Protein backbone atom coordinates (compact mmCIF):
# COMPACT_ATOMS: atom_id res chain seq x y z
CA MET A 1 37.09 60.15 204.69
CA ARG A 2 34.39 62.80 204.65
CA ILE A 3 35.35 66.51 205.30
CA SER A 4 32.67 68.51 207.61
CA TYR A 5 30.81 71.33 206.22
CA LEU A 6 33.00 73.79 208.09
CA CYS A 7 36.16 72.61 207.45
CA MET A 8 35.38 72.98 204.00
CA VAL A 9 34.10 76.51 204.35
CA VAL A 10 37.74 77.53 206.14
CA LEU A 11 39.68 75.66 203.22
CA LEU A 12 37.66 77.89 200.33
CA LEU A 13 38.12 81.26 202.53
CA ALA A 14 41.39 80.42 202.69
CA VAL A 15 42.27 79.54 199.58
CA ALA A 16 40.02 82.46 198.09
CA SER A 17 42.39 84.32 200.16
CA CYS A 18 45.58 83.73 198.52
CA ASN A 19 45.05 86.01 195.68
CA SER A 20 48.22 87.54 193.56
CA ASP A 21 47.16 91.18 194.91
CA ASP A 22 48.18 89.99 198.47
CA VAL A 23 51.71 88.58 197.70
CA VAL A 24 54.31 90.22 199.28
CA THR A 25 57.08 91.46 196.75
CA PRO A 26 60.68 91.27 198.33
CA ALA A 27 62.86 94.68 197.80
CA PRO A 28 64.65 94.73 194.76
CA THR A 29 67.88 92.76 194.26
CA ILE A 30 70.37 94.35 191.66
CA TYR A 31 72.86 92.46 189.65
CA PHE A 32 75.22 92.86 186.78
CA SER A 33 76.53 90.28 183.96
CA SER A 34 80.13 92.04 184.93
CA ASP A 35 81.43 93.08 188.65
CA GLY A 36 80.39 96.70 187.78
CA GLU A 37 84.28 97.23 186.52
CA TYR A 38 84.49 98.62 182.82
CA GLU A 39 87.45 100.10 180.80
CA ILE A 40 86.56 101.97 177.57
CA GLY A 41 88.37 104.10 175.21
CA PRO A 42 87.39 108.20 174.94
CA THR A 43 85.55 107.47 171.59
CA ASP A 44 83.31 104.44 173.07
CA THR A 45 79.83 104.32 174.19
CA LEU A 46 79.23 102.04 177.02
CA ILE A 47 75.58 100.23 177.49
CA LEU A 48 74.78 99.49 180.86
CA GLU A 49 72.20 96.91 181.63
CA PRO A 50 71.19 95.64 185.04
CA LYS A 51 69.75 92.49 186.07
CA ILE A 52 66.94 93.24 188.90
CA THR A 53 65.57 90.33 190.89
CA TYR A 54 61.96 91.08 192.21
CA ASP A 55 61.55 93.62 190.03
CA ARG A 56 57.54 94.49 190.46
CA SER A 57 56.61 98.42 189.87
CA SER A 58 60.28 99.11 190.72
CA VAL A 59 61.26 103.35 190.29
CA TYR A 60 64.97 103.40 188.65
CA SER A 61 67.52 106.16 189.11
CA TRP A 62 71.19 106.74 187.65
CA PHE A 63 73.91 108.95 189.23
CA VAL A 64 77.21 109.82 187.79
CA ASP A 65 79.49 111.30 190.34
CA GLY A 66 76.67 111.93 192.43
CA LYS A 67 74.10 113.57 190.23
CA GLU A 68 71.04 111.85 189.03
CA VAL A 69 71.07 111.74 185.30
CA SER A 70 68.57 108.78 184.07
CA SER A 71 65.56 107.63 185.37
CA GLU A 72 65.28 104.40 183.15
CA LEU A 73 66.48 100.69 183.34
CA ASN A 74 69.52 100.89 181.33
CA LEU A 75 71.94 103.73 180.35
CA GLU A 76 73.90 104.59 177.45
CA PHE A 77 76.71 105.97 178.77
CA ILE A 78 78.71 108.69 176.97
CA PRO A 79 82.24 109.75 178.30
CA ASP A 80 83.18 113.12 178.24
CA GLY A 81 86.97 112.65 179.28
CA MET A 82 89.75 110.25 179.64
CA ARG A 83 89.39 109.94 183.23
CA GLU A 84 87.55 107.84 186.52
CA TYR A 85 83.76 107.93 186.52
CA TYR A 86 81.78 106.50 189.62
CA LEU A 87 77.89 105.54 188.99
CA THR A 88 74.98 104.10 190.98
CA PHE A 89 72.40 102.51 190.01
CA MET A 90 69.05 102.44 192.31
CA ALA A 91 66.00 100.51 192.14
CA THR A 92 63.12 100.77 194.57
CA ASN A 93 59.55 99.67 194.74
CA ALA A 94 57.16 99.15 197.68
CA ASN A 95 59.16 97.68 199.83
CA GLY A 96 62.22 98.37 199.81
CA ALA A 97 65.26 99.70 197.62
CA ASP A 98 68.73 98.16 196.59
CA THR A 99 71.86 100.14 194.79
CA PHE A 100 74.93 99.07 192.92
CA ASN A 101 78.01 100.86 192.44
CA VAL A 102 79.63 101.01 188.62
CA HIS A 103 83.18 102.04 188.00
CA VAL A 104 83.97 103.31 184.61
CA SER A 105 87.80 104.00 183.56
CA VAL A 106 88.33 105.98 180.46
CA VAL A 107 91.76 105.45 178.87
CA LYS A 108 93.78 106.23 175.79
CA ASN A 109 95.35 102.44 175.58
CA ILE A 110 98.72 102.61 173.84
CA GLU A 111 99.27 99.13 172.62
CA PHE A 112 102.04 98.43 170.37
CA ASP A 113 100.71 96.01 167.70
CA THR A 114 98.55 99.30 166.88
CA PHE A 115 101.49 101.20 165.24
CA ASP A 116 101.02 102.70 161.94
CA ASN A 117 103.36 100.67 159.20
CA PHE A 118 104.19 98.05 161.97
CA THR A 119 105.43 95.52 159.04
CA VAL A 120 108.03 93.56 160.66
CA SER A 121 107.71 89.84 160.04
CA SER A 122 106.74 87.37 162.71
CA LYS A 123 110.16 85.89 162.44
CA SER A 124 111.68 88.90 163.67
CA ALA A 125 112.45 89.67 167.22
CA LEU A 126 112.98 93.59 166.80
CA TYR A 127 112.20 96.72 164.92
CA MET A 128 114.61 99.65 165.14
CA GLN A 129 115.41 102.77 163.02
CA THR A 130 117.68 101.92 160.38
CA ASP A 131 118.50 105.18 158.97
CA THR A 132 121.70 107.10 160.39
CA VAL A 133 119.63 109.93 161.63
CA PRO A 134 120.65 110.22 165.21
CA ASN A 135 117.42 110.53 167.04
CA GLU A 136 114.55 109.22 165.62
CA TYR A 137 111.15 108.23 166.81
CA PHE A 138 108.26 105.83 166.83
CA VAL A 139 104.83 108.02 167.32
CA ALA A 140 101.66 106.46 168.40
CA ASN A 141 98.53 108.47 169.64
CA ASP A 142 100.46 111.13 170.21
CA VAL A 143 103.54 109.30 172.42
CA LYS A 144 107.12 108.78 170.72
CA PHE A 145 109.52 106.45 172.03
CA PRO A 146 112.97 107.83 170.91
CA THR A 147 115.40 105.09 169.36
CA GLN A 148 119.17 105.39 168.21
CA ILE A 149 121.12 103.21 165.92
CA ASN A 150 124.61 103.09 164.45
CA ALA A 151 125.65 103.67 160.35
CA ASP A 152 125.81 99.74 160.39
CA THR A 153 123.24 98.89 162.72
CA THR A 154 125.42 97.05 164.89
CA MET A 155 125.17 99.39 168.32
CA TRP A 156 121.44 100.80 169.44
CA GLY A 157 120.14 102.48 172.28
CA GLY A 158 116.37 103.40 173.42
CA MET A 159 113.01 101.63 172.38
CA ALA A 160 112.87 98.92 169.99
CA PHE A 161 109.84 97.14 169.47
CA SER A 162 109.23 93.66 169.21
CA ASN A 163 106.61 90.76 167.95
CA ARG A 164 108.35 88.14 170.01
CA THR A 165 107.59 86.35 173.31
CA THR A 166 108.92 83.30 174.81
CA THR A 167 109.12 80.77 177.81
CA SER A 168 113.10 79.73 177.09
CA SER A 169 114.97 78.41 180.01
CA THR A 170 118.10 78.31 178.81
CA LEU A 171 120.87 80.91 178.00
CA SER A 172 121.56 79.40 174.62
CA THR A 173 118.35 79.98 173.11
CA ALA A 174 117.60 83.27 174.79
CA ALA A 175 116.77 86.39 172.81
CA ILE A 176 116.99 90.40 173.51
CA GLY A 177 113.96 91.89 172.99
CA CYS A 178 111.67 88.81 173.57
CA ALA A 179 109.49 89.29 176.55
CA TYR A 180 109.92 86.53 179.08
CA THR A 181 105.95 85.45 179.81
CA LEU A 182 104.40 82.39 180.69
CA ASN A 183 101.75 82.50 178.30
CA GLY A 184 104.08 83.58 175.29
CA SER A 185 103.34 80.87 173.12
CA THR A 186 99.81 82.63 172.67
CA SER A 187 100.41 85.97 173.02
CA THR A 188 99.51 88.37 170.12
CA SER A 189 100.65 91.83 171.51
CA TYR A 190 104.31 93.56 170.60
CA ALA A 191 106.25 94.71 173.15
CA ALA A 192 108.08 98.22 173.73
CA MET A 193 111.85 96.79 174.86
CA SER A 194 114.52 99.35 176.41
CA GLY A 195 118.02 99.32 174.96
CA TYR A 196 121.37 100.70 175.97
CA GLY A 197 122.26 104.22 176.65
CA ASP A 198 120.10 107.19 178.30
CA ILE A 199 117.13 107.77 175.74
CA MET A 200 114.74 105.68 176.99
CA TYR A 201 111.46 107.60 176.95
CA ALA A 202 107.60 107.89 176.33
CA LEU A 203 107.17 111.46 175.63
CA PHE A 204 104.23 112.85 175.31
CA THR A 205 103.62 115.24 172.11
CA GLU A 206 102.58 118.86 173.27
CA ARG A 207 100.44 117.96 176.08
CA THR A 208 100.41 116.36 179.83
CA TYR A 209 98.57 113.20 180.63
CA SER A 210 97.86 111.70 183.52
CA VAL A 211 99.45 107.75 183.52
CA LYS A 212 96.96 105.08 185.27
CA SER A 213 99.14 102.35 184.15
CA ILE A 214 101.53 100.10 182.35
CA ASP A 215 102.26 96.60 181.81
CA ILE A 216 105.85 95.38 182.57
CA THR A 217 107.72 91.92 182.16
CA ASN A 218 111.34 91.19 181.96
CA ASP A 219 113.23 90.58 178.63
CA ASN A 220 114.20 86.78 178.15
CA PHE A 221 117.90 87.31 178.56
CA SER A 222 118.03 89.70 181.36
CA TYR A 223 115.44 87.21 183.17
CA LEU A 224 117.68 83.92 182.55
CA VAL A 225 121.80 86.10 183.46
CA SER A 226 119.86 86.72 186.81
CA LYS A 227 119.09 83.01 187.15
CA TYR A 228 122.20 81.75 185.92
CA GLY A 229 124.88 84.14 185.47
CA TYR A 230 126.46 85.15 181.84
CA THR A 231 129.97 84.22 180.49
CA SER A 232 130.86 85.91 177.13
CA ALA A 233 132.47 83.42 174.38
CA ASP A 234 136.03 85.38 174.94
CA SER A 235 135.15 85.35 178.74
CA THR A 236 135.71 89.19 178.63
CA LEU A 237 132.33 89.72 180.38
CA ILE A 238 131.32 87.56 183.44
CA ILE A 239 128.04 88.21 185.41
CA SER A 240 127.13 86.22 188.31
CA HIS A 241 123.76 84.75 189.30
CA PHE A 242 121.85 86.86 191.73
CA GLN A 243 122.22 85.76 195.30
CA THR A 244 120.60 87.15 198.39
CA ASP A 245 120.10 91.06 198.23
CA ASP A 246 120.37 91.45 194.63
CA TYR A 247 117.89 93.10 192.63
CA LEU A 248 116.79 94.38 188.89
CA ARG A 249 114.63 97.50 189.55
CA LEU A 250 113.17 99.65 187.03
CA ASN A 251 112.27 103.13 188.01
CA ILE A 252 109.85 105.29 186.38
CA TYR A 253 110.02 109.07 186.30
CA GLY A 254 107.36 111.46 185.17
CA LEU A 255 108.71 114.43 183.33
CA ASN A 256 108.39 117.91 183.86
CA PHE A 257 107.88 120.62 180.74
CA ASP A 258 111.80 120.91 180.53
CA GLY A 259 112.54 117.43 180.72
CA SER A 260 113.68 117.06 184.19
CA ASP A 261 112.27 114.76 186.93
CA ALA A 262 109.38 114.96 188.45
CA SER A 263 108.30 112.13 190.55
CA SER A 264 108.89 108.58 190.40
CA VAL A 265 107.64 104.82 191.26
CA SER A 266 109.35 101.78 191.01
CA PHE A 267 109.00 98.00 190.58
CA ASP A 268 111.50 94.85 191.12
CA LEU A 269 112.08 93.11 188.16
CA VAL A 270 113.99 90.82 190.20
CA ASP A 271 114.13 90.69 193.95
CA CYS A 272 116.27 88.36 195.94
CA HIS A 273 115.84 90.35 199.51
CA TYR A 274 115.59 86.91 200.95
CA ASP A 275 118.14 84.29 202.77
CA ASN A 276 116.27 81.42 200.73
CA PRO A 277 116.48 81.45 197.26
CA ALA A 278 113.17 79.50 197.08
CA LYS A 279 111.80 82.91 197.62
CA TYR A 280 113.88 84.67 194.85
CA VAL A 281 111.00 86.59 192.57
CA ARG A 282 111.73 86.87 188.94
CA ILE A 283 108.57 88.69 187.29
CA SER A 284 107.82 86.12 184.19
CA ASP A 285 104.79 87.25 183.29
CA TRP A 286 102.86 90.44 182.27
CA THR A 287 102.35 92.70 185.27
CA THR A 288 100.20 95.88 185.59
CA VAL A 289 101.96 98.54 187.56
CA ASP A 290 100.13 101.64 188.99
CA LEU A 291 101.67 104.76 187.78
CA THR A 292 98.66 107.55 188.95
CA PRO A 293 101.07 108.61 191.54
CA LEU A 294 103.12 110.40 188.98
CA GLY A 295 100.21 113.20 188.48
CA GLN A 296 100.25 114.91 184.90
CA VAL A 297 103.49 114.48 183.21
CA PHE A 298 104.89 115.45 179.80
CA GLY A 299 106.11 112.19 179.18
CA LEU A 300 108.17 108.99 181.20
CA ARG A 301 111.60 108.31 181.65
CA PHE A 302 112.86 104.46 182.21
CA GLU A 303 115.76 103.75 184.36
CA LEU A 304 117.20 100.43 185.30
CA GLU A 305 118.80 100.00 188.44
CA CYS A 306 120.75 96.65 189.30
CA SER A 307 123.05 95.38 192.00
CA LYS A 308 125.27 94.27 189.25
CA GLU A 309 127.91 96.07 187.23
CA ASN A 310 127.21 95.49 183.39
CA PHE A 311 123.97 93.76 183.95
CA PRO A 312 122.09 93.62 180.57
CA PRO A 313 119.56 96.90 180.65
CA PHE A 314 116.63 95.33 179.23
CA PHE A 315 112.74 95.07 179.79
CA CYS A 316 109.70 94.91 178.29
CA ILE A 317 106.67 96.97 178.71
CA ASP A 318 102.69 97.31 176.64
CA ASN A 319 99.56 98.68 177.35
CA LEU A 320 100.54 102.30 178.14
CA LYS A 321 96.96 103.80 179.80
CA LEU A 322 96.29 107.60 179.76
CA GLN A 323 94.29 110.17 180.99
CA ASP A 324 93.43 113.28 180.88
């Protein structure tokens, strides 16, 4: 089939007009390999590297807390304190602009596997002071945890440290000092656990912190007693299993300078406020609890509250996150 001269001219003109200079580039679209949420330590440096679709002749701007700090594509972010930072990245070309918000949380994270001289063997459940001094402390990163143990080491109170987790589902194999976690077999973090008495504290040395959060889970033994009840070998202690309206609650108090309680946050380790037992809630994995309502405090006091008398007063904590 022959193409007329006129048609050929039209086709040539159309092709000639389709050069790259006439292609309209859409407005840029920003994305990050993460969701824009970061958590770093106070001495860390974070390199933020946005990706841009339709990045042609774009102009960049970085804002930290509303103030422009850079016009480069990538940003080296160095925190000037332990707090929350809100960043915005903007890319603009001739046909529009896009922005992306980034949140950086700078915290001091107290993980209990970072304690100095933590040499307890992998087969041990608890690590406590073994001398006869009545009030000793485990100290890590400006936080100290009181513990107390009698001379023959048969009774203890306060905070002890464990390097074990468990998924045991029977009381005969339950161990005090083991966090009850669904992924206990793969967990490598140590758990701090409360004991008997009135010395369940995390005390900050010489300054205040704002406590961002803490991870909490049930102690293995307490979890199972709430589910099945407990009778001691000599039958002198009998605890029935939890029924409707029973509960095990952890109250966390912020401390004033004089050691008095300030505000508090509560968290239910076991919640049976349901008519149907199938709806009872028993915490069986690490759960992050927001402690920012406590504000600036000199430490924390932990208190277990239970609907049943003589209930085993144990719980497990990890990842205590502090800010200025």
